[in-house]
Amino acid sequence: LAQTQNFHYLWFNTQNNMEDWIEASQTHQAWGTKILTEAFRRDSDMVSFAIHLFIDAWPAGWMKSIMDVDRQPKKAC
């Protein structure tokens, strides 16, 4: 019951298989990380920021990290 399951349609189309879900969700995550990073970089009052989740704690954690459970970089890296 991840958030993606319930609300993905707000950002990308429903996928038909696991590989497509991974591709769509990681592409969206990479886009969001890029937009946020660029906005922070342009903010003269911003002195530092960090990505909150670096490595997945699957199955116990949210799938919002930039490295998967096998420590392989996702597209947002």
N, C-alpha and C. Protein backbone atom coordinates (compact mmCIF):
# COMPACT_ATOMS: atom_id res chain seq x y z
N LEU A 1 0.82 -1.20 0.00
CA LEU A 1 0.00 0.00 0.00
C LEU A 1 0.86 1.26 0.00
N ALA A 2 1.87 1.28 -0.83
CA ALA A 2 2.74 2.45 -0.95
C ALA A 2 1.94 3.62 -1.51
N GLN A 3 2.42 4.82 -1.27
CA GLN A 3 1.75 6.01 -1.78
C GLN A 3 1.65 5.98 -3.30
N THR A 4 2.64 5.44 -3.97
CA THR A 4 2.60 5.37 -5.43
C THR A 4 1.38 4.61 -5.92
N GLN A 5 1.03 3.54 -5.24
CA GLN A 5 -0.12 2.73 -5.66
C GLN A 5 -1.40 3.54 -5.66
N ASN A 6 -1.58 4.38 -4.66
CA ASN A 6 -2.83 5.12 -4.52
C ASN A 6 -2.87 6.43 -5.29
N PHE A 7 -1.73 7.06 -5.52
CA PHE A 7 -1.73 8.41 -6.07
C PHE A 7 -0.89 8.59 -7.33
N HIS A 8 -0.36 7.51 -7.89
CA HIS A 8 0.52 7.63 -9.05
C HIS A 8 -0.14 8.35 -10.21
N TYR A 9 -1.42 8.18 -10.38
CA TYR A 9 -2.14 8.75 -11.52
C TYR A 9 -2.03 10.28 -11.57
N LEU A 10 -1.68 10.89 -10.44
CA LEU A 10 -1.49 12.34 -10.42
C LEU A 10 -0.23 12.75 -11.20
N TRP A 11 0.71 11.82 -11.37
CA TRP A 11 1.99 12.16 -11.98
C TRP A 11 2.36 11.33 -13.19
N PHE A 12 1.93 10.08 -13.26
CA PHE A 12 2.23 9.26 -14.43
C PHE A 12 1.17 8.17 -14.59
N ASN A 13 1.10 7.64 -15.80
CA ASN A 13 0.07 6.65 -16.13
C ASN A 13 0.27 5.33 -15.38
N THR A 14 -0.81 4.62 -15.20
CA THR A 14 -0.75 3.29 -14.60
C THR A 14 0.06 2.37 -15.50
N GLN A 15 0.94 1.60 -14.89
CA GLN A 15 1.82 0.70 -15.64
C GLN A 15 1.28 -0.73 -15.58
N ASN A 16 1.76 -1.59 -16.46
CA ASN A 16 1.22 -2.94 -16.58
C ASN A 16 2.10 -4.03 -15.99
N ASN A 17 3.36 -3.72 -15.70
CA ASN A 17 4.25 -4.74 -15.14
C ASN A 17 5.28 -4.06 -14.24
N MET A 18 6.00 -4.85 -13.47
CA MET A 18 6.93 -4.31 -12.48
C MET A 18 8.03 -3.47 -13.13
N GLU A 19 8.57 -3.92 -14.24
CA GLU A 19 9.64 -3.17 -14.90
C GLU A 19 9.17 -1.78 -15.33
N ASP A 20 7.95 -1.70 -15.85
CA ASP A 20 7.40 -0.41 -16.26
C ASP A 20 7.12 0.49 -15.06
N TRP A 21 6.66 -0.10 -13.94
CA TRP A 21 6.44 0.68 -12.72
C TRP A 21 7.77 1.28 -12.25
N ILE A 22 8.80 0.47 -12.24
CA ILE A 22 10.11 0.95 -11.80
C ILE A 22 10.59 2.08 -12.70
N GLU A 23 10.49 1.89 -14.00
CA GLU A 23 10.91 2.91 -14.96
C GLU A 23 10.14 4.21 -14.76
N ALA A 24 8.83 4.13 -14.69
CA ALA A 24 8.00 5.33 -14.57
C ALA A 24 8.25 6.05 -13.24
N SER A 25 8.32 5.31 -12.15
CA SER A 25 8.49 5.96 -10.85
C SER A 25 9.90 6.54 -10.69
N GLN A 26 10.91 5.84 -11.21
CA GLN A 26 12.27 6.38 -11.11
C GLN A 26 12.46 7.58 -12.03
N THR A 27 11.83 7.57 -13.18
CA THR A 27 11.89 8.74 -14.08
C THR A 27 11.24 9.94 -13.41
N HIS A 28 10.09 9.73 -12.77
CA HIS A 28 9.42 10.82 -12.07
C HIS A 28 10.28 11.31 -10.89
N GLN A 29 10.86 10.40 -10.13
CA GLN A 29 11.72 10.78 -9.01
C GLN A 29 12.91 11.60 -9.50
N ALA A 30 13.53 11.19 -10.59
CA ALA A 30 14.67 11.93 -11.14
C ALA A 30 14.26 13.34 -11.55
N TRP A 31 13.09 13.48 -12.17
CA TRP A 31 12.59 14.80 -12.56
C TRP A 31 12.38 15.68 -11.33
N GLY A 32 11.72 15.14 -10.31
CA GLY A 32 11.47 15.92 -9.09
C GLY A 32 12.74 16.31 -8.38
N THR A 33 13.71 15.41 -8.31
CA THR A 33 14.99 15.71 -7.66
C THR A 33 15.72 16.80 -8.43
N LYS A 34 15.67 16.75 -9.76
CA LYS A 34 16.32 17.77 -10.58
C LYS A 34 15.69 19.14 -10.36
N ILE A 35 14.37 19.21 -10.38
CA ILE A 35 13.67 20.49 -10.19
C ILE A 35 14.00 21.08 -8.81
N LEU A 36 13.94 20.25 -7.78
CA LEU A 36 14.22 20.71 -6.42
C LEU A 36 15.67 21.18 -6.29
N THR A 37 16.60 20.39 -6.82
CA THR A 37 18.02 20.74 -6.73
C THR A 37 18.30 22.06 -7.43
N GLU A 38 17.73 22.25 -8.61
CA GLU A 38 17.94 23.50 -9.35
C GLU A 38 17.35 24.69 -8.60
N ALA A 39 16.19 24.51 -7.99
CA ALA A 39 15.58 25.60 -7.22
C ALA A 39 16.43 25.97 -6.01
N PHE A 40 16.91 24.97 -5.29
CA PHE A 40 17.77 25.24 -4.13
C PHE A 40 19.08 25.90 -4.55
N ARG A 41 19.65 25.46 -5.66
CA ARG A 41 20.91 26.01 -6.13
C ARG A 41 20.78 27.50 -6.46
N ARG A 42 19.63 27.90 -6.96
CA ARG A 42 19.41 29.30 -7.34
C ARG A 42 19.01 30.19 -6.17
N ASP A 43 18.68 29.62 -5.04
CA ASP A 43 18.24 30.38 -3.87
C ASP A 43 19.47 30.90 -3.11
N SER A 44 19.68 32.21 -3.13
CA SER A 44 20.88 32.79 -2.49
C SER A 44 20.86 32.64 -0.97
N ASP A 45 19.71 32.38 -0.39
CA ASP A 45 19.64 32.17 1.06
C ASP A 45 19.89 30.71 1.47
N MET A 46 19.95 29.82 0.49
CA MET A 46 20.16 28.39 0.78
C MET A 46 21.66 28.13 0.85
N VAL A 47 22.11 27.65 2.00
CA VAL A 47 23.54 27.37 2.16
C VAL A 47 23.86 25.88 2.06
N SER A 48 22.85 25.04 2.25
CA SER A 48 23.08 23.59 2.19
C SER A 48 21.74 22.87 2.11
N PHE A 49 21.76 21.69 1.50
CA PHE A 49 20.59 20.81 1.55
C PHE A 49 21.06 19.39 1.32
N ALA A 50 20.23 18.44 1.70
CA ALA A 50 20.57 17.03 1.53
C ALA A 50 19.33 16.25 1.12
N ILE A 51 19.54 15.18 0.41
CA ILE A 51 18.44 14.26 0.09
C ILE A 51 18.22 13.40 1.32
N HIS A 52 16.99 13.36 1.80
CA HIS A 52 16.68 12.74 3.08
C HIS A 52 16.99 11.24 3.12
N LEU A 53 16.56 10.50 2.13
CA LEU A 53 16.75 9.05 2.13
C LEU A 53 17.75 8.68 1.05
N PHE A 54 18.84 8.06 1.45
CA PHE A 54 19.87 7.70 0.49
C PHE A 54 19.73 6.26 0.00
N ILE A 55 19.55 5.30 0.92
CA ILE A 55 19.46 3.89 0.55
C ILE A 55 18.14 3.31 1.06
N ASP A 56 17.44 2.57 0.19
CA ASP A 56 16.18 1.93 0.57
C ASP A 56 16.34 1.00 1.76
N ALA A 57 15.34 0.99 2.61
CA ALA A 57 15.28 0.05 3.73
C ALA A 57 14.23 -1.01 3.43
N TRP A 58 14.06 -1.36 2.17
CA TRP A 58 13.03 -2.29 1.73
C TRP A 58 13.14 -3.60 2.48
N PRO A 59 12.06 -4.23 2.89
CA PRO A 59 10.68 -3.84 2.63
C PRO A 59 10.10 -2.92 3.70
N ALA A 60 10.90 -2.52 4.67
CA ALA A 60 10.38 -1.73 5.78
C ALA A 60 10.28 -0.24 5.48
N GLY A 61 10.92 0.25 4.45
CA GLY A 61 11.00 1.68 4.23
C GLY A 61 10.23 2.17 3.03
N TRP A 62 10.18 3.48 2.87
CA TRP A 62 9.56 4.09 1.70
C TRP A 62 10.50 3.95 0.53
N MET A 63 9.96 3.85 -0.65
CA MET A 63 10.78 3.72 -1.85
C MET A 63 11.10 5.10 -2.44
N LYS A 64 11.61 5.99 -1.60
CA LYS A 64 11.89 7.35 -2.02
C LYS A 64 13.38 7.66 -2.00
N SER A 65 14.20 6.66 -1.84
CA SER A 65 15.64 6.88 -1.78
C SER A 65 16.22 6.98 -3.19
N ILE A 66 17.49 7.38 -3.27
CA ILE A 66 18.16 7.49 -4.57
C ILE A 66 19.08 6.30 -4.86
N MET A 67 19.13 5.34 -3.92
CA MET A 67 19.84 4.08 -4.14
C MET A 67 18.85 2.97 -3.80
N ASP A 68 18.89 1.87 -4.55
CA ASP A 68 17.97 0.78 -4.24
C ASP A 68 18.49 -0.09 -3.10
N VAL A 69 17.74 -1.10 -2.75
CA VAL A 69 18.08 -1.96 -1.62
C VAL A 69 19.40 -2.70 -1.86
N ASP A 70 19.79 -2.87 -3.11
CA ASP A 70 21.07 -3.49 -3.45
C ASP A 70 22.19 -2.45 -3.61
N ARG A 71 21.90 -1.22 -3.23
CA ARG A 71 22.84 -0.10 -3.28
C ARG A 71 23.25 0.26 -4.71
N GLN A 72 22.33 0.05 -5.62
CA GLN A 72 22.52 0.48 -7.00
C GLN A 72 21.85 1.83 -7.19
N PRO A 73 22.53 2.78 -7.83
CA PRO A 73 21.94 4.11 -8.00
C PRO A 73 20.65 4.06 -8.82
N LYS A 74 19.67 4.85 -8.40
CA LYS A 74 18.47 5.04 -9.21
C LYS A 74 18.75 6.21 -10.15
N LYS A 75 17.80 6.53 -11.00
CA LYS A 75 17.98 7.60 -11.98
C LYS A 75 18.20 8.97 -11.34
N ALA A 76 17.75 9.17 -10.12
CA ALA A 76 17.88 10.47 -9.47
C ALA A 76 19.30 10.78 -9.00
N CYS A 77 20.18 9.80 -9.05
CA CYS A 77 21.56 10.05 -8.62
C CYS A 77 22.30 10.93 -9.60
